[in-house]
Amino acid sequence: RLEALVERYRPAYLAVAGVTAYRTAFGRPR
C-alpha cells in the first residue's frame, strides 16, 4: 500500500519510523 501511495504523491523522501517493522514489511533483515 505504501508503494502505491509513494507512486501517487511522489515525495522526495519516504521516512519509515521503525526499523524492525521496515525489515519485516520489505524483507530487508539487515
mmCIF file of all heavy atoms, coordinates in Angstrom:
data_MODEL
# 
_entry.id   MODEL 
# 
loop_
_atom_site.group_PDB 
_atom_site.id 
_atom_site.type_symbol 
_atom_site.label_atom_id 
_atom_site.label_alt_id 
_atom_site.label_comp_id 
_atom_site.label_asym_id 
_atom_site.label_entity_id 
_atom_site.label_seq_id 
_atom_site.pdbx_PDB_ins_code 
_atom_site.Cartn_x 
_atom_site.Cartn_y 
_atom_site.Cartn_z 
_atom_site.occupancy 
_atom_site.B_iso_or_equiv 
_atom_site.pdbx_formal_charge 
_atom_site.auth_seq_id 
_atom_site.auth_comp_id 
_atom_site.auth_asym_id 
_atom_site.auth_atom_id 
_atom_site.pdbx_PDB_model_num 
ATOM 1   N N   . ARG A 1 1  ? 0.843  -1.200  0.000   1.00 0.00 ? 1  ARG A N   1 
ATOM 2   C CA  . ARG A 1 1  ? 0.000  0.000   0.000   1.00 0.00 ? 1  ARG A CA  1 
ATOM 3   C C   . ARG A 1 1  ? 0.879  1.250   0.000   1.00 0.00 ? 1  ARG A C   1 
ATOM 4   O O   . ARG A 1 1  ? 0.613  2.224   -0.704  1.00 0.00 ? 1  ARG A O   1 
ATOM 5   C CB  . ARG A 1 1  ? -0.925 0.005   1.222   1.00 0.00 ? 1  ARG A CB  1 
ATOM 6   C CG  . ARG A 1 1  ? -1.941 1.145   1.205   1.00 0.00 ? 1  ARG A CG  1 
ATOM 7   C CD  . ARG A 1 1  ? -2.709 1.235   2.510   1.00 0.00 ? 1  ARG A CD  1 
ATOM 8   N NE  . ARG A 1 1  ? -1.910 1.791   3.586   1.00 0.00 ? 1  ARG A NE  1 
ATOM 9   C CZ  . ARG A 1 1  ? -1.696 3.098   3.768   1.00 0.00 ? 1  ARG A CZ  1 
ATOM 10  N NH1 . ARG A 1 1  ? -2.204 3.986   2.946   1.00 0.00 ? 1  ARG A NH1 1 
ATOM 11  N NH2 . ARG A 1 1  ? -0.968 3.524   4.778   1.00 0.00 ? 1  ARG A NH2 1 
ATOM 12  N N   . LEU A 1 2  ? 1.973  1.200   0.775   1.00 0.00 ? 2  LEU A N   1 
ATOM 13  C CA  . LEU A 1 2  ? 2.897  2.324   0.840   1.00 0.00 ? 2  LEU A CA  1 
ATOM 14  C C   . LEU A 1 2  ? 3.548  2.583   -0.513  1.00 0.00 ? 2  LEU A C   1 
ATOM 15  O O   . LEU A 1 2  ? 3.722  3.738   -0.921  1.00 0.00 ? 2  LEU A O   1 
ATOM 16  C CB  . LEU A 1 2  ? 3.951  2.046   1.915   1.00 0.00 ? 2  LEU A CB  1 
ATOM 17  C CG  . LEU A 1 2  ? 4.806  3.197   2.385   1.00 0.00 ? 2  LEU A CG  1 
ATOM 18  C CD1 . LEU A 1 2  ? 3.977  4.384   2.827   1.00 0.00 ? 2  LEU A CD1 1 
ATOM 19  C CD2 . LEU A 1 2  ? 5.715  2.728   3.507   1.00 0.00 ? 2  LEU A CD2 1 
ATOM 20  N N   . GLU A 1 3  ? 3.872  1.532   -1.242  1.00 0.00 ? 3  GLU A N   1 
ATOM 21  C CA  . GLU A 1 3  ? 4.448  1.697   -2.587  1.00 0.00 ? 3  GLU A CA  1 
ATOM 22  C C   . GLU A 1 3  ? 3.487  2.462   -3.489  1.00 0.00 ? 3  GLU A C   1 
ATOM 23  O O   . GLU A 1 3  ? 3.897  3.369   -4.216  1.00 0.00 ? 3  GLU A O   1 
ATOM 24  C CB  . GLU A 1 3  ? 4.772  0.332   -3.193  1.00 0.00 ? 3  GLU A CB  1 
ATOM 25  C CG  . GLU A 1 3  ? 5.966  -0.340  -2.563  1.00 0.00 ? 3  GLU A CG  1 
ATOM 26  C CD  . GLU A 1 3  ? 6.177  -1.775  -3.033  1.00 0.00 ? 3  GLU A CD  1 
ATOM 27  O OE1 . GLU A 1 3  ? 5.421  -2.258  -3.901  1.00 0.00 ? 3  GLU A OE1 1 
ATOM 28  O OE2 . GLU A 1 3  ? 7.118  -2.415  -2.518  1.00 0.00 ? 3  GLU A OE2 1 
ATOM 29  N N   . ALA A 1 4  ? 2.206  2.121   -3.441  1.00 0.00 ? 4  ALA A N   1 
ATOM 30  C CA  . ALA A 1 4  ? 1.211  2.810   -4.268  1.00 0.00 ? 4  ALA A CA  1 
ATOM 31  C C   . ALA A 1 4  ? 1.071  4.274   -3.846  1.00 0.00 ? 4  ALA A C   1 
ATOM 32  O O   . ALA A 1 4  ? 0.941  5.175   -4.698  1.00 0.00 ? 4  ALA A O   1 
ATOM 33  C CB  . ALA A 1 4  ? -0.129 2.091   -4.177  1.00 0.00 ? 4  ALA A CB  1 
ATOM 34  N N   . LEU A 1 5  ? 1.110  4.539   -2.552  1.00 0.00 ? 5  LEU A N   1 
ATOM 35  C CA  . LEU A 1 5  ? 0.994  5.905   -2.043  1.00 0.00 ? 5  LEU A CA  1 
ATOM 36  C C   . LEU A 1 5  ? 2.178  6.756   -2.498  1.00 0.00 ? 5  LEU A C   1 
ATOM 37  O O   . LEU A 1 5  ? 2.009  7.905   -2.929  1.00 0.00 ? 5  LEU A O   1 
ATOM 38  C CB  . LEU A 1 5  ? 0.924  5.856   -0.518  1.00 0.00 ? 5  LEU A CB  1 
ATOM 39  C CG  . LEU A 1 5  ? 0.304  7.021   0.215   1.00 0.00 ? 5  LEU A CG  1 
ATOM 40  C CD1 . LEU A 1 5  ? -1.155 7.217   -0.173  1.00 0.00 ? 5  LEU A CD1 1 
ATOM 41  C CD2 . LEU A 1 5  ? 0.410  6.789   1.712   1.00 0.00 ? 5  LEU A CD2 1 
ATOM 42  N N   . VAL A 1 6  ? 3.376  6.185   -2.446  1.00 0.00 ? 6  VAL A N   1 
ATOM 43  C CA  . VAL A 1 6  ? 4.577  6.912   -2.879  1.00 0.00 ? 6  VAL A CA  1 
ATOM 44  C C   . VAL A 1 6  ? 4.520  7.177   -4.384  1.00 0.00 ? 6  VAL A C   1 
ATOM 45  O O   . VAL A 1 6  ? 4.890  8.259   -4.846  1.00 0.00 ? 6  VAL A O   1 
ATOM 46  C CB  . VAL A 1 6  ? 5.852  6.148   -2.456  1.00 0.00 ? 6  VAL A CB  1 
ATOM 47  C CG1 . VAL A 1 6  ? 7.082  6.684   -3.167  1.00 0.00 ? 6  VAL A CG1 1 
ATOM 48  C CG2 . VAL A 1 6  ? 6.029  6.218   -0.942  1.00 0.00 ? 6  VAL A CG2 1 
ATOM 49  N N   . GLU A 1 7  ? 4.043  6.229   -5.147  1.00 0.00 ? 7  GLU A N   1 
ATOM 50  C CA  . GLU A 1 7  ? 3.899  6.451   -6.597  1.00 0.00 ? 7  GLU A CA  1 
ATOM 51  C C   . GLU A 1 7  ? 2.932  7.599   -6.873  1.00 0.00 ? 7  GLU A C   1 
ATOM 52  O O   . GLU A 1 7  ? 3.164  8.423   -7.754  1.00 0.00 ? 7  GLU A O   1 
ATOM 53  C CB  . GLU A 1 7  ? 3.410  5.182   -7.297  1.00 0.00 ? 7  GLU A CB  1 
ATOM 54  C CG  . GLU A 1 7  ? 4.493  4.192   -7.606  1.00 0.00 ? 7  GLU A CG  1 
ATOM 55  C CD  . GLU A 1 7  ? 5.546  4.711   -8.584  1.00 0.00 ? 7  GLU A CD  1 
ATOM 56  O OE1 . GLU A 1 7  ? 5.234  5.519   -9.483  1.00 0.00 ? 7  GLU A OE1 1 
ATOM 57  O OE2 . GLU A 1 7  ? 6.714  4.300   -8.435  1.00 0.00 ? 7  GLU A OE2 1 
ATOM 58  N N   . ARG A 1 8  ? 1.857  7.659   -6.112  1.00 0.00 ? 8  ARG A N   1 
ATOM 59  C CA  . ARG A 1 8  ? 0.843  8.697   -6.347  1.00 0.00 ? 8  ARG A CA  1 
ATOM 60  C C   . ARG A 1 8  ? 1.327  10.081  -5.919  1.00 0.00 ? 8  ARG A C   1 
ATOM 61  O O   . ARG A 1 8  ? 1.151  11.061  -6.645  1.00 0.00 ? 8  ARG A O   1 
ATOM 62  C CB  . ARG A 1 8  ? -0.445 8.344   -5.604  1.00 0.00 ? 8  ARG A CB  1 
ATOM 63  C CG  . ARG A 1 8  ? -1.511 9.399   -5.760  1.00 0.00 ? 8  ARG A CG  1 
ATOM 64  C CD  . ARG A 1 8  ? -2.796 9.020   -5.089  1.00 0.00 ? 8  ARG A CD  1 
ATOM 65  N NE  . ARG A 1 8  ? -3.734 10.116  -5.171  1.00 0.00 ? 8  ARG A NE  1 
ATOM 66  C CZ  . ARG A 1 8  ? -4.867 10.153  -4.515  1.00 0.00 ? 8  ARG A CZ  1 
ATOM 67  N NH1 . ARG A 1 8  ? -5.235 9.146   -3.755  1.00 0.00 ? 8  ARG A NH1 1 
ATOM 68  N NH2 . ARG A 1 8  ? -5.656 11.193  -4.626  1.00 0.00 ? 8  ARG A NH2 1 
ATOM 69  N N   . TYR A 1 9  ? 1.913  10.197  -4.707  1.00 0.00 ? 9  TYR A N   1 
ATOM 70  C CA  . TYR A 1 9  ? 2.257  11.505  -4.156  1.00 0.00 ? 9  TYR A CA  1 
ATOM 71  C C   . TYR A 1 9  ? 3.693  11.935  -4.420  1.00 0.00 ? 9  TYR A C   1 
ATOM 72  O O   . TYR A 1 9  ? 4.020  13.106  -4.252  1.00 0.00 ? 9  TYR A O   1 
ATOM 73  C CB  . TYR A 1 9  ? 1.951  11.545  -2.656  1.00 0.00 ? 9  TYR A CB  1 
ATOM 74  C CG  . TYR A 1 9  ? 0.464  11.627  -2.407  1.00 0.00 ? 9  TYR A CG  1 
ATOM 75  C CD1 . TYR A 1 9  ? -0.284 10.480  -2.215  1.00 0.00 ? 9  TYR A CD1 1 
ATOM 76  C CD2 . TYR A 1 9  ? -0.197 12.855  -2.403  1.00 0.00 ? 9  TYR A CD2 1 
ATOM 77  C CE1 . TYR A 1 9  ? -1.655 10.553  -2.015  1.00 0.00 ? 9  TYR A CE1 1 
ATOM 78  C CE2 . TYR A 1 9  ? -1.559 12.938  -2.202  1.00 0.00 ? 9  TYR A CE2 1 
ATOM 79  C CZ  . TYR A 1 9  ? -2.285 11.786  -2.005  1.00 0.00 ? 9  TYR A CZ  1 
ATOM 80  O OH  . TYR A 1 9  ? -3.637 11.856  -1.819  1.00 0.00 ? 9  TYR A OH  1 
ATOM 81  N N   . ARG A 1 10 ? 4.554  11.012  -4.778  1.00 0.00 ? 10 ARG A N   1 
ATOM 82  C CA  . ARG A 1 10 ? 5.917  11.277  -5.202  1.00 0.00 ? 10 ARG A CA  1 
ATOM 83  C C   . ARG A 1 10 ? 6.715  12.169  -4.240  1.00 0.00 ? 10 ARG A C   1 
ATOM 84  O O   . ARG A 1 10 ? 7.259  13.199  -4.636  1.00 0.00 ? 10 ARG A O   1 
ATOM 85  C CB  . ARG A 1 10 ? 5.921  11.840  -6.612  1.00 0.00 ? 10 ARG A CB  1 
ATOM 86  C CG  . ARG A 1 10 ? 5.114  10.955  -7.568  1.00 0.00 ? 10 ARG A CG  1 
ATOM 87  C CD  . ARG A 1 10 ? 5.216  11.323  -9.006  1.00 0.00 ? 10 ARG A CD  1 
ATOM 88  N NE  . ARG A 1 10 ? 6.443  10.944  -9.651  1.00 0.00 ? 10 ARG A NE  1 
ATOM 89  C CZ  . ARG A 1 10 ? 6.811  9.695   -9.966  1.00 0.00 ? 10 ARG A CZ  1 
ATOM 90  N NH1 . ARG A 1 10 ? 6.038  8.696   -9.676  1.00 0.00 ? 10 ARG A NH1 1 
ATOM 91  N NH2 . ARG A 1 10 ? 7.954  9.474   -10.577 1.00 0.00 ? 10 ARG A NH2 1 
ATOM 92  N N   . PRO A 1 11 ? 6.805  11.773  -2.974  1.00 0.00 ? 11 PRO A N   1 
ATOM 93  C CA  . PRO A 1 11 ? 7.636  12.556  -2.055  1.00 0.00 ? 11 PRO A CA  1 
ATOM 94  C C   . PRO A 1 11 ? 9.109  12.448  -2.436  1.00 0.00 ? 11 PRO A C   1 
ATOM 95  O O   . PRO A 1 11 ? 9.530  11.470  -3.049  1.00 0.00 ? 11 PRO A O   1 
ATOM 96  C CB  . PRO A 1 11 ? 7.383  11.878  -0.699  1.00 0.00 ? 11 PRO A CB  1 
ATOM 97  C CG  . PRO A 1 11 ? 7.072  10.455  -1.057  1.00 0.00 ? 11 PRO A CG  1 
ATOM 98  C CD  . PRO A 1 11 ? 6.290  10.548  -2.356  1.00 0.00 ? 11 PRO A CD  1 
ATOM 99  N N   . ALA A 1 12 ? 9.882  13.454  -2.052  1.00 0.00 ? 12 ALA A N   1 
ATOM 100 C CA  . ALA A 1 12 ? 11.323 13.377  -2.274  1.00 0.00 ? 12 ALA A CA  1 
ATOM 101 C C   . ALA A 1 12 ? 11.908 12.269  -1.405  1.00 0.00 ? 12 ALA A C   1 
ATOM 102 O O   . ALA A 1 12 ? 12.784 11.527  -1.842  1.00 0.00 ? 12 ALA A O   1 
ATOM 103 C CB  . ALA A 1 12 ? 11.987 14.714  -1.952  1.00 0.00 ? 12 ALA A CB  1 
ATOM 104 N N   . TYR A 1 13 ? 11.403 12.146  -0.167  1.00 0.00 ? 13 TYR A N   1 
ATOM 105 C CA  . TYR A 1 13 ? 11.846 11.110  0.759   1.00 0.00 ? 13 TYR A CA  1 
ATOM 106 C C   . TYR A 1 13 ? 10.660 10.397  1.377   1.00 0.00 ? 13 TYR A C   1 
ATOM 107 O O   . TYR A 1 13 ? 9.668  11.041  1.725   1.00 0.00 ? 13 TYR A O   1 
ATOM 108 C CB  . TYR A 1 13 ? 12.677 11.704  1.923   1.00 0.00 ? 13 TYR A CB  1 
ATOM 109 C CG  . TYR A 1 13 ? 14.131 11.864  1.618   1.00 0.00 ? 13 TYR A CG  1 
ATOM 110 C CD1 . TYR A 1 13 ? 14.630 13.072  1.141   1.00 0.00 ? 13 TYR A CD1 1 
ATOM 111 C CD2 . TYR A 1 13 ? 15.022 10.814  1.824   1.00 0.00 ? 13 TYR A CD2 1 
ATOM 112 C CE1 . TYR A 1 13 ? 15.982 13.230  0.866   1.00 0.00 ? 13 TYR A CE1 1 
ATOM 113 C CE2 . TYR A 1 13 ? 16.375 10.970  1.550   1.00 0.00 ? 13 TYR A CE2 1 
ATOM 114 C CZ  . TYR A 1 13 ? 16.840 12.169  1.067   1.00 0.00 ? 13 TYR A CZ  1 
ATOM 115 O OH  . TYR A 1 13 ? 18.171 12.309  0.799   1.00 0.00 ? 13 TYR A OH  1 
ATOM 116 N N   . LEU A 1 14 ? 10.809 9.101   1.526   1.00 0.00 ? 14 LEU A N   1 
ATOM 117 C CA  . LEU A 1 14 ? 9.935  8.307   2.374   1.00 0.00 ? 14 LEU A CA  1 
ATOM 118 C C   . LEU A 1 14 ? 10.754 8.008   3.624   1.00 0.00 ? 14 LEU A C   1 
ATOM 119 O O   . LEU A 1 14 ? 11.859 7.474   3.523   1.00 0.00 ? 14 LEU A O   1 
ATOM 120 C CB  . LEU A 1 14 ? 9.512  6.997   1.705   1.00 0.00 ? 14 LEU A CB  1 
ATOM 121 C CG  . LEU A 1 14 ? 8.810  6.003   2.639   1.00 0.00 ? 14 LEU A CG  1 
ATOM 122 C CD1 . LEU A 1 14 ? 7.468  6.555   3.111   1.00 0.00 ? 14 LEU A CD1 1 
ATOM 123 C CD2 . LEU A 1 14 ? 8.645  4.656   1.958   1.00 0.00 ? 14 LEU A CD2 1 
ATOM 124 N N   . ALA A 1 15 ? 10.219 8.364   4.800   1.00 0.00 ? 15 ALA A N   1 
ATOM 125 C CA  . ALA A 1 15 ? 10.917 8.136   6.063   1.00 0.00 ? 15 ALA A CA  1 
ATOM 126 C C   . ALA A 1 15 ? 10.080 7.184   6.912   1.00 0.00 ? 15 ALA A C   1 
ATOM 127 O O   . ALA A 1 15 ? 9.006  7.549   7.382   1.00 0.00 ? 15 ALA A O   1 
ATOM 128 C CB  . ALA A 1 15 ? 11.136 9.461   6.791   1.00 0.00 ? 15 ALA A CB  1 
ATOM 129 N N   . VAL A 1 16 ? 10.557 5.967   7.068   1.00 0.00 ? 16 VAL A N   1 
ATOM 130 C CA  . VAL A 1 16 ? 9.832  4.942   7.817   1.00 0.00 ? 16 VAL A CA  1 
ATOM 131 C C   . VAL A 1 16 ? 10.350 4.930   9.253   1.00 0.00 ? 16 VAL A C   1 
ATOM 132 O O   . VAL A 1 16 ? 11.536 4.702   9.484   1.00 0.00 ? 16 VAL A O   1 
ATOM 133 C CB  . VAL A 1 16 ? 9.991  3.552   7.164   1.00 0.00 ? 16 VAL A CB  1 
ATOM 134 C CG1 . VAL A 1 16 ? 9.227  2.502   7.971   1.00 0.00 ? 16 VAL A CG1 1 
ATOM 135 C CG2 . VAL A 1 16 ? 9.501  3.582   5.727   1.00 0.00 ? 16 VAL A CG2 1 
ATOM 136 N N   . ALA A 1 17 ? 9.456  5.187   10.198  1.00 0.00 ? 17 ALA A N   1 
ATOM 137 C CA  . ALA A 1 17 ? 9.813  5.227   11.620  1.00 0.00 ? 17 ALA A CA  1 
ATOM 138 C C   . ALA A 1 17 ? 9.564  3.856   12.243  1.00 0.00 ? 17 ALA A C   1 
ATOM 139 O O   . ALA A 1 17 ? 8.440  3.506   12.566  1.00 0.00 ? 17 ALA A O   1 
ATOM 140 C CB  . ALA A 1 17 ? 9.008  6.309   12.339  1.00 0.00 ? 17 ALA A CB  1 
ATOM 141 N N   . GLY A 1 18 ? 10.627 3.097   12.364  1.00 0.00 ? 18 GLY A N   1 
ATOM 142 C CA  . GLY A 1 18 ? 10.537 1.755   12.943  1.00 0.00 ? 18 GLY A CA  1 
ATOM 143 C C   . GLY A 1 18 ? 11.318 0.767   12.101  1.00 0.00 ? 18 GLY A C   1 
ATOM 144 O O   . GLY A 1 18 ? 10.791 0.198   11.151  1.00 0.00 ? 18 GLY A O   1 
ATOM 145 N N   . VAL A 1 19 ? 12.576 0.569   12.427  1.00 0.00 ? 19 VAL A N   1 
ATOM 146 C CA  . VAL A 1 19 ? 13.453 -0.269  11.617  1.00 0.00 ? 19 VAL A CA  1 
ATOM 147 C C   . VAL A 1 19 ? 13.007 -1.734  11.619  1.00 0.00 ? 19 VAL A C   1 
ATOM 148 O O   . VAL A 1 19 ? 13.072 -2.404  10.581  1.00 0.00 ? 19 VAL A O   1 
ATOM 149 C CB  . VAL A 1 19 ? 14.933 -0.112  12.032  1.00 0.00 ? 19 VAL A CB  1 
ATOM 150 C CG1 . VAL A 1 19 ? 15.205 -0.666  13.413  1.00 0.00 ? 19 VAL A CG1 1 
ATOM 151 C CG2 . VAL A 1 19 ? 15.859 -0.736  11.000  1.00 0.00 ? 19 VAL A CG2 1 
ATOM 152 N N   . THR A 1 20 ? 12.542 -2.246  12.739  1.00 0.00 ? 20 THR A N   1 
ATOM 153 C CA  . THR A 1 20 ? 12.145 -3.655  12.797  1.00 0.00 ? 20 THR A CA  1 
ATOM 154 C C   . THR A 1 20 ? 10.936 -3.913  11.901  1.00 0.00 ? 20 THR A C   1 
ATOM 155 O O   . THR A 1 20 ? 10.906 -4.894  11.156  1.00 0.00 ? 20 THR A O   1 
ATOM 156 C CB  . THR A 1 20 ? 11.855 -4.070  14.250  1.00 0.00 ? 20 THR A CB  1 
ATOM 157 O OG1 . THR A 1 20 ? 13.036 -3.824  15.023  1.00 0.00 ? 20 THR A OG1 1 
ATOM 158 C CG2 . THR A 1 20 ? 11.485 -5.533  14.346  1.00 0.00 ? 20 THR A CG2 1 
ATOM 159 N N   . ALA A 1 21 ? 9.953  -3.024  11.954  1.00 0.00 ? 21 ALA A N   1 
ATOM 160 C CA  . ALA A 1 21 ? 8.781  -3.179  11.088  1.00 0.00 ? 21 ALA A CA  1 
ATOM 161 C C   . ALA A 1 21 ? 9.180  -3.040  9.621   1.00 0.00 ? 21 ALA A C   1 
ATOM 162 O O   . ALA A 1 21 ? 8.674  -3.768  8.761   1.00 0.00 ? 21 ALA A O   1 
ATOM 163 C CB  . ALA A 1 21 ? 7.714  -2.152  11.455  1.00 0.00 ? 21 ALA A CB  1 
ATOM 164 N N   . TYR A 1 22 ? 10.091 -2.117  9.313   1.00 0.00 ? 22 TYR A N   1 
ATOM 165 C CA  . TYR A 1 22 ? 10.560 -1.960  7.940   1.00 0.00 ? 22 TYR A CA  1 
ATOM 166 C C   . TYR A 1 22 ? 11.203 -3.253  7.454   1.00 0.00 ? 22 TYR A C   1 
ATOM 167 O O   . TYR A 1 22 ? 10.928 -3.715  6.344   1.00 0.00 ? 22 TYR A O   1 
ATOM 168 C CB  . TYR A 1 22 ? 11.552 -0.793  7.828   1.00 0.00 ? 22 TYR A CB  1 
ATOM 169 C CG  . TYR A 1 22 ? 12.115 -0.683  6.435   1.00 0.00 ? 22 TYR A CG  1 
ATOM 170 C CD1 . TYR A 1 22 ? 11.409 0.001   5.450   1.00 0.00 ? 22 TYR A CD1 1 
ATOM 171 C CD2 . TYR A 1 22 ? 13.299 -1.319  6.082   1.00 0.00 ? 22 TYR A CD2 1 
ATOM 172 C CE1 . TYR A 1 22 ? 11.884 0.061   4.154   1.00 0.00 ? 22 TYR A CE1 1 
ATOM 173 C CE2 . TYR A 1 22 ? 13.783 -1.260  4.789   1.00 0.00 ? 22 TYR A CE2 1 
ATOM 174 C CZ  . TYR A 1 22 ? 13.072 -0.577  3.826   1.00 0.00 ? 22 TYR A CZ  1 
ATOM 175 O OH  . TYR A 1 22 ? 13.532 -0.530  2.538   1.00 0.00 ? 22 TYR A OH  1 
ATOM 176 N N   . ARG A 1 23 ? 12.059 -3.835  8.279   1.00 0.00 ? 23 ARG A N   1 
ATOM 177 C CA  . ARG A 1 23 ? 12.729 -5.080  7.895   1.00 0.00 ? 23 ARG A CA  1 
ATOM 178 C C   . ARG A 1 23 ? 11.720 -6.158  7.541   1.00 0.00 ? 23 ARG A C   1 
ATOM 179 O O   . ARG A 1 23 ? 11.886 -6.890  6.562   1.00 0.00 ? 23 ARG A O   1 
ATOM 180 C CB  . ARG A 1 23 ? 13.619 -5.561  9.041   1.00 0.00 ? 23 ARG A CB  1 
ATOM 181 C CG  . ARG A 1 23 ? 14.840 -4.721  9.280   1.00 0.00 ? 23 ARG A CG  1 
ATOM 182 C CD  . ARG A 1 23 ? 15.540 -5.126  10.568  1.00 0.00 ? 23 ARG A CD  1 
ATOM 183 N NE  . ARG A 1 23 ? 16.730 -4.325  10.801  1.00 0.00 ? 23 ARG A NE  1 
ATOM 184 C CZ  . ARG A 1 23 ? 17.282 -4.181  11.979  1.00 0.00 ? 23 ARG A CZ  1 
ATOM 185 N NH1 . ARG A 1 23 ? 16.772 -4.798  13.050  1.00 0.00 ? 23 ARG A NH1 1 
ATOM 186 N NH2 . ARG A 1 23 ? 18.360 -3.439  12.113  1.00 0.00 ? 23 ARG A NH2 1 
ATOM 187 N N   . THR A 1 24 ? 10.666 -6.272  8.344   1.00 0.00 ? 24 THR A N   1 
ATOM 188 C CA  . THR A 1 24 ? 9.636  -7.287  8.101   1.00 0.00 ? 24 THR A CA  1 
ATOM 189 C C   . THR A 1 24 ? 8.819  -6.958  6.863   1.00 0.00 ? 24 THR A C   1 
ATOM 190 O O   . THR A 1 24 ? 8.587  -7.819  6.015   1.00 0.00 ? 24 THR A O   1 
ATOM 191 C CB  . THR A 1 24 ? 8.707  -7.397  9.329   1.00 0.00 ? 24 THR A CB  1 
ATOM 192 O OG1 . THR A 1 24 ? 9.499  -7.759  10.463  1.00 0.00 ? 24 THR A OG1 1 
ATOM 193 C CG2 . THR A 1 24 ? 7.615  -8.429  9.113   1.00 0.00 ? 24 THR A CG2 1 
ATOM 194 N N   . ALA A 1 25 ? 8.374  -5.721  6.748   1.00 0.00 ? 25 ALA A N   1 
ATOM 195 C CA  . ALA A 1 25 ? 7.495  -5.332  5.638   1.00 0.00 ? 25 ALA A CA  1 
ATOM 196 C C   . ALA A 1 25 ? 8.161  -5.503  4.279   1.00 0.00 ? 25 ALA A C   1 
ATOM 197 O O   . ALA A 1 25 ? 7.500  -5.854  3.304   1.00 0.00 ? 25 ALA A O   1 
ATOM 198 C CB  . ALA A 1 25 ? 7.040  -3.879  5.815   1.00 0.00 ? 25 ALA A CB  1 
ATOM 199 N N   . PHE A 1 26 ? 9.470  -5.279  4.223   1.00 0.00 ? 26 PHE A N   1 
ATOM 200 C CA  . PHE A 1 26 ? 10.153 -5.277  2.931   1.00 0.00 ? 26 PHE A CA  1 
ATOM 201 C C   . PHE A 1 26 ? 11.201 -6.366  2.778   1.00 0.00 ? 26 PHE A C   1 
ATOM 202 O O   . PHE A 1 26 ? 11.946 -6.375  1.794   1.00 0.00 ? 26 PHE A O   1 
ATOM 203 C CB  . PHE A 1 26 ? 10.738 -3.895  2.655   1.00 0.00 ? 26 PHE A CB  1 
ATOM 204 C CG  . PHE A 1 26 ? 9.673  -2.845  2.612   1.00 0.00 ? 26 PHE A CG  1 
ATOM 205 C CD1 . PHE A 1 26 ? 9.445  -2.017  3.696   1.00 0.00 ? 26 PHE A CD1 1 
ATOM 206 C CD2 . PHE A 1 26 ? 8.843  -2.723  1.508   1.00 0.00 ? 26 PHE A CD2 1 
ATOM 207 C CE1 . PHE A 1 26 ? 8.434  -1.074  3.674   1.00 0.00 ? 26 PHE A CE1 1 
ATOM 208 C CE2 . PHE A 1 26 ? 7.835  -1.790  1.476   1.00 0.00 ? 26 PHE A CE2 1 
ATOM 209 C CZ  . PHE A 1 26 ? 7.624  -0.964  2.556   1.00 0.00 ? 26 PHE A CZ  1 
ATOM 210 N N   . GLY A 1 27 ? 11.262 -7.283  3.731   1.00 0.00 ? 27 GLY A N   1 
ATOM 211 C CA  . GLY A 1 27 ? 12.200 -8.392  3.626   1.00 0.00 ? 27 GLY A CA  1 
ATOM 212 C C   . GLY A 1 27 ? 13.644 -7.948  3.580   1.00 0.00 ? 27 GLY A C   1 
ATOM 213 O O   . GLY A 1 27 ? 14.455 -8.503  2.840   1.00 0.00 ? 27 GLY A O   1 
ATOM 214 N N   . ARG A 1 28 ? 13.971 -6.950  4.382   1.00 0.00 ? 28 ARG A N   1 
ATOM 215 C CA  . ARG A 1 28 ? 15.338 -6.409  4.434   1.00 0.00 ? 28 ARG A CA  1 
ATOM 216 C C   . ARG A 1 28 ? 15.886 -6.573  5.855   1.00 0.00 ? 28 ARG A C   1 
ATOM 217 O O   . ARG A 1 28 ? 15.944 -5.612  6.626   1.00 0.00 ? 28 ARG A O   1 
ATOM 218 C CB  . ARG A 1 28 ? 15.343 -4.927  4.055   1.00 0.00 ? 28 ARG A CB  1 
ATOM 219 C CG  . ARG A 1 28 ? 14.783 -4.599  2.694   1.00 0.00 ? 28 ARG A CG  1 
ATOM 220 C CD  . ARG A 1 28 ? 15.870 -4.772  1.640   1.00 0.00 ? 28 ARG A CD  1 
ATOM 221 N NE  . ARG A 1 28 ? 15.516 -4.175  0.374   1.00 0.00 ? 28 ARG A NE  1 
ATOM 222 C CZ  . ARG A 1 28 ? 14.873 -4.806  -0.590  1.00 0.00 ? 28 ARG A CZ  1 
ATOM 223 N NH1 . ARG A 1 28 ? 14.448 -6.032  -0.409  1.00 0.00 ? 28 ARG A NH1 1 
ATOM 224 N NH2 . ARG A 1 28 ? 14.624 -4.222  -1.738  1.00 0.00 ? 28 ARG A NH2 1 
ATOM 225 N N   . PRO A 1 29 ? 16.292 -7.780  6.229   1.00 0.00 ? 29 PRO A N   1 
ATOM 226 C CA  . PRO A 1 29 ? 16.668 -8.051  7.624   1.00 0.00 ? 29 PRO A CA  1 
ATOM 227 C C   . PRO A 1 29 ? 17.907 -7.309  8.123   1.00 0.00 ? 29 PRO A C   1 
ATOM 228 O O   . PRO A 1 29 ? 18.107 -7.200  9.324   1.00 0.00 ? 29 PRO A O   1 
ATOM 229 C CB  . PRO A 1 29 ? 16.896 -9.561  7.637   1.00 0.00 ? 29 PRO A CB  1 
ATOM 230 C CG  . PRO A 1 29 ? 17.176 -9.932  6.225   1.00 0.00 ? 29 PRO A CG  1 
ATOM 231 C CD  . PRO A 1 29 ? 16.419 -8.967  5.374   1.00 0.00 ? 29 PRO A CD  1 
ATOM 232 N N   . ARG A 1 30 ? 18.719 -6.789  7.243   1.00 0.00 ? 30 ARG A N   1 
ATOM 233 C CA  . ARG A 1 30 ? 19.955 -6.126  7.681   1.00 0.00 ? 30 ARG A CA  1 
ATOM 234 C C   . ARG A 1 30 ? 19.861 -4.599  7.663   1.00 0.00 ? 30 ARG A C   1 
ATOM 235 O O   . ARG A 1 30 ? 20.851 -3.908  7.911   1.00 0.00 ? 30 ARG A O   1 
ATOM 236 C CB  . ARG A 1 30 ? 21.120 -6.566  6.805   1.00 0.00 ? 30 ARG A CB  1 
ATOM 237 C CG  . ARG A 1 30 ? 21.389 -8.054  6.864   1.00 0.00 ? 30 ARG A CG  1 
ATOM 238 C CD  . ARG A 1 30 ? 22.687 -8.389  6.166   1.00 0.00 ? 30 ARG A CD  1 
ATOM 239 N NE  . ARG A 1 30 ? 22.864 -9.769  5.806   1.00 0.00 ? 30 ARG A NE  1 
ATOM 240 C CZ  . ARG A 1 30 ? 23.017 -10.775 6.636   1.00 0.00 ? 30 ARG A CZ  1 
ATOM 241 N NH1 . ARG A 1 30 ? 22.944 -10.579 7.903   1.00 0.00 ? 30 ARG A NH1 1 
ATOM 242 N NH2 . ARG A 1 30 ? 23.203 -12.006 6.194   1.00 0.00 ? 30 ARG A NH2 1 
# 
